[in-house]
Amino acid sequence: MNLHIFDDNLNQEYNENKILIWNGEKINRILENNRITIRSKYLNIIDNIIKNYSSNYKYFKINNLNLFKMSLINEKNPFKSSAIFECLKLLALEVFIEKKNINKIIYHGKINNLHKSLKELCINQNINYEREKITSININLKLIYFLSGIFFF
């Protein structure tokens, strides 16, 4: 089954019912309904990062004070950094993929970091991945307004 992921509200009609808007209500609902498992996965990931990297680098410890524990890597509040919320949404997407038996993800958008993350997730989950870039009409409108402004004066 294919899953279509969009950045924002979609302007085109798709017949398949597996559509996910990245900044939409459905991904937030998945995140809320599976908050305990997603929270534990996120905390395990952060704990593994701290264990693996803080022991390798001696300069992260000053006077028995671990600087990793004070850094943004150890931060767990999604309201302080939007990157944390994006990581939580990726973990929610992973749960959604497992429940719905998705075998292909098609990303329709222009956020490059999301594209790279989805591609890496698909490689790890052995899922086919495809990206369809959306051409922005806003660029054409800005050009038209710019040219009409020049001709006006």
Protein backbone atom coordinates (compact mmCIF):
# COMPACT_ATOMS: atom_id res chain seq x y z
CA MET A 1 0.00 0.00 0.00
CA ASN A 2 1.30 3.45 -0.90
CA LEU A 3 1.51 6.37 1.51
CA HIS A 4 1.53 9.90 0.08
CA ILE A 5 3.10 12.53 2.35
CA PHE A 6 2.54 16.23 1.68
CA ASP A 7 4.13 19.28 3.35
CA ASP A 8 0.96 21.32 3.58
CA ASN A 9 -2.65 20.97 2.52
CA LEU A 10 -2.83 19.31 -0.86
CA ASN A 11 -4.29 21.08 -3.83
CA GLN A 12 -4.69 17.97 -5.98
CA GLU A 13 -7.12 15.12 -5.53
CA TYR A 14 -5.73 11.64 -4.88
CA ASN A 15 -7.89 8.55 -4.99
CA GLU A 16 -5.84 6.57 -2.50
CA ASN A 17 -6.91 6.93 1.10
CA LYS A 18 -3.36 6.73 2.50
CA ILE A 19 -2.55 10.44 2.53
CA LEU A 20 -0.61 12.10 5.33
CA ILE A 21 -0.08 15.84 5.63
CA TRP A 22 3.18 16.35 7.53
CA ASN A 23 2.00 19.40 9.44
CA GLY A 24 -1.58 18.20 9.64
CA GLU A 25 -4.00 16.79 12.15
CA LYS A 26 -3.54 13.11 11.28
CA ILE A 27 0.18 12.92 12.17
CA ASN A 28 -0.53 14.80 15.41
CA ARG A 29 -3.31 12.35 16.26
CA ILE A 30 -0.95 9.41 15.64
CA LEU A 31 1.61 11.12 17.86
CA GLU A 32 -0.93 11.67 20.62
CA ASN A 33 -2.42 8.16 20.48
CA ASN A 34 1.00 6.48 20.65
CA ARG A 35 2.70 8.96 22.96
CA ILE A 36 3.97 6.40 25.48
CA THR A 37 5.76 4.20 22.94
CA ILE A 38 7.08 7.17 20.97
CA ARG A 39 8.33 8.85 24.13
CA SER A 40 10.16 5.71 25.24
CA LYS A 41 11.71 5.28 21.76
CA TYR A 42 12.85 8.91 21.77
CA LEU A 43 14.35 8.64 25.25
CA ASN A 44 16.18 5.43 24.28
CA ILE A 45 17.63 7.13 21.20
CA ILE A 46 18.86 10.10 23.26
CA ASP A 47 20.27 7.77 25.91
CA ASN A 48 22.14 5.73 23.27
CA ILE A 49 23.60 8.89 21.73
CA ILE A 50 24.85 10.10 25.10
CA LYS A 51 26.29 6.69 26.05
CA ASN A 52 28.02 6.14 22.72
CA TYR A 53 29.51 9.58 22.20
CA SER A 54 30.17 10.99 25.66
CA SER A 55 32.43 8.10 26.61
CA ASN A 56 34.51 8.49 23.42
CA TYR A 57 35.30 12.16 23.84
CA LYS A 58 37.18 13.18 26.97
CA TYR A 59 36.77 16.90 26.33
CA PHE A 60 33.03 16.68 27.00
CA LYS A 61 33.80 16.11 30.67
CA ILE A 62 35.10 19.00 32.73
CA ASN A 63 35.58 18.52 36.48
CA ASN A 64 33.28 15.45 36.45
CA LEU A 65 30.60 17.52 34.72
CA ASN A 66 29.27 15.92 31.55
CA LEU A 67 28.63 18.62 28.94
CA PHE A 68 26.52 16.24 26.89
CA LYS A 69 23.92 16.31 29.64
CA MET A 70 23.75 20.11 29.33
CA SER A 71 23.61 20.25 25.53
CA LEU A 72 20.66 20.40 23.13
CA ILE A 73 21.18 16.71 22.36
CA ASN A 74 19.89 15.86 25.80
CA GLU A 75 16.94 18.29 25.51
CA LYS A 76 13.57 16.56 25.69
CA ASN A 77 11.13 19.45 25.48
CA PRO A 78 9.59 19.69 21.98
CA PHE A 79 8.52 23.29 22.60
CA LYS A 80 12.13 24.49 22.88
CA SER A 81 13.23 23.13 19.52
CA SER A 82 11.23 22.37 16.40
CA ALA A 83 13.74 19.64 15.50
CA ILE A 84 12.60 17.59 18.50
CA PHE A 85 8.99 17.76 17.31
CA GLU A 86 10.09 16.68 13.81
CA CYS A 87 11.92 13.68 15.33
CA LEU A 88 8.80 12.75 17.28
CA LYS A 89 6.72 12.96 14.09
CA LEU A 90 9.21 10.67 12.32
CA LEU A 91 8.85 8.16 15.15
CA ALA A 92 5.06 8.47 14.85
CA LEU A 93 5.38 7.81 11.13
CA GLU A 94 7.40 4.69 11.92
CA VAL A 95 4.59 3.44 14.16
CA PHE A 96 2.03 4.24 11.44
CA ILE A 97 4.07 2.31 8.85
CA GLU A 98 4.20 -0.75 11.09
CA LYS A 99 0.46 -0.69 11.77
CA LYS A 100 -0.72 -0.08 8.19
CA ASN A 101 1.81 -2.30 6.34
CA ILE A 102 3.03 0.47 4.04
CA ASN A 103 5.38 -0.72 1.28
CA LYS A 104 6.00 2.57 -0.56
CA ILE A 105 6.23 6.19 0.53
CA ILE A 106 5.79 8.98 -1.97
CA TYR A 107 6.82 12.40 -0.69
CA HIS A 108 5.26 15.44 -2.38
CA GLY A 109 7.09 18.43 -1.04
CA LYS A 110 10.06 20.72 -0.98
CA ILE A 111 11.48 20.41 2.54
CA ASN A 112 14.91 18.91 1.93
CA ASN A 113 15.57 17.79 5.53
CA LEU A 114 12.28 15.91 5.58
CA HIS A 115 13.15 14.32 2.23
CA LYS A 116 16.50 13.08 3.58
CA SER A 117 14.91 11.78 6.78
CA LEU A 118 12.14 9.95 4.95
CA LYS A 119 14.66 8.44 2.56
CA GLU A 120 16.78 7.18 5.47
CA LEU A 121 13.70 5.83 7.25
CA CYS A 122 12.66 3.94 4.11
CA ILE A 123 16.13 2.44 3.73
CA ASN A 124 16.06 1.26 7.36
CA GLN A 125 12.53 -0.15 7.03
CA ASN A 126 13.10 -1.73 3.56
CA ILE A 127 10.37 0.40 2.00
CA ASN A 128 10.40 1.87 -1.49
CA TYR A 129 10.74 5.63 -1.56
CA GLU A 130 9.91 8.18 -4.22
CA ARG A 131 9.95 11.95 -4.24
CA GLU A 132 7.81 14.17 -6.41
CA LYS A 133 8.84 17.79 -6.25
CA ILE A 134 6.01 20.26 -6.19
CA THR A 135 6.56 23.25 -8.41
CA SER A 136 5.70 26.37 -6.56
CA ILE A 137 3.19 28.74 -8.12
CA ASN A 138 4.20 31.40 -5.59
CA ILE A 139 7.48 32.00 -7.44
CA ASN A 140 5.59 32.72 -10.65
CA LEU A 141 3.21 35.07 -8.84
CA LYS A 142 6.10 36.93 -7.21
CA LEU A 143 7.73 37.36 -10.60
CA ILE A 144 4.49 38.70 -12.10
CA TYR A 145 4.01 41.15 -9.22
CA PHE A 146 7.64 42.24 -9.46
CA LEU A 147 7.41 42.88 -13.20
CA SER A 148 4.08 44.68 -12.89
CA GLY A 149 5.61 46.86 -10.18
CA ILE A 150 8.52 47.79 -12.45
CA PHE A 151 6.21 48.62 -15.35
CA PHE A 152 3.93 50.67 -13.09
CA PHE A 153 6.71 53.13 -12.30
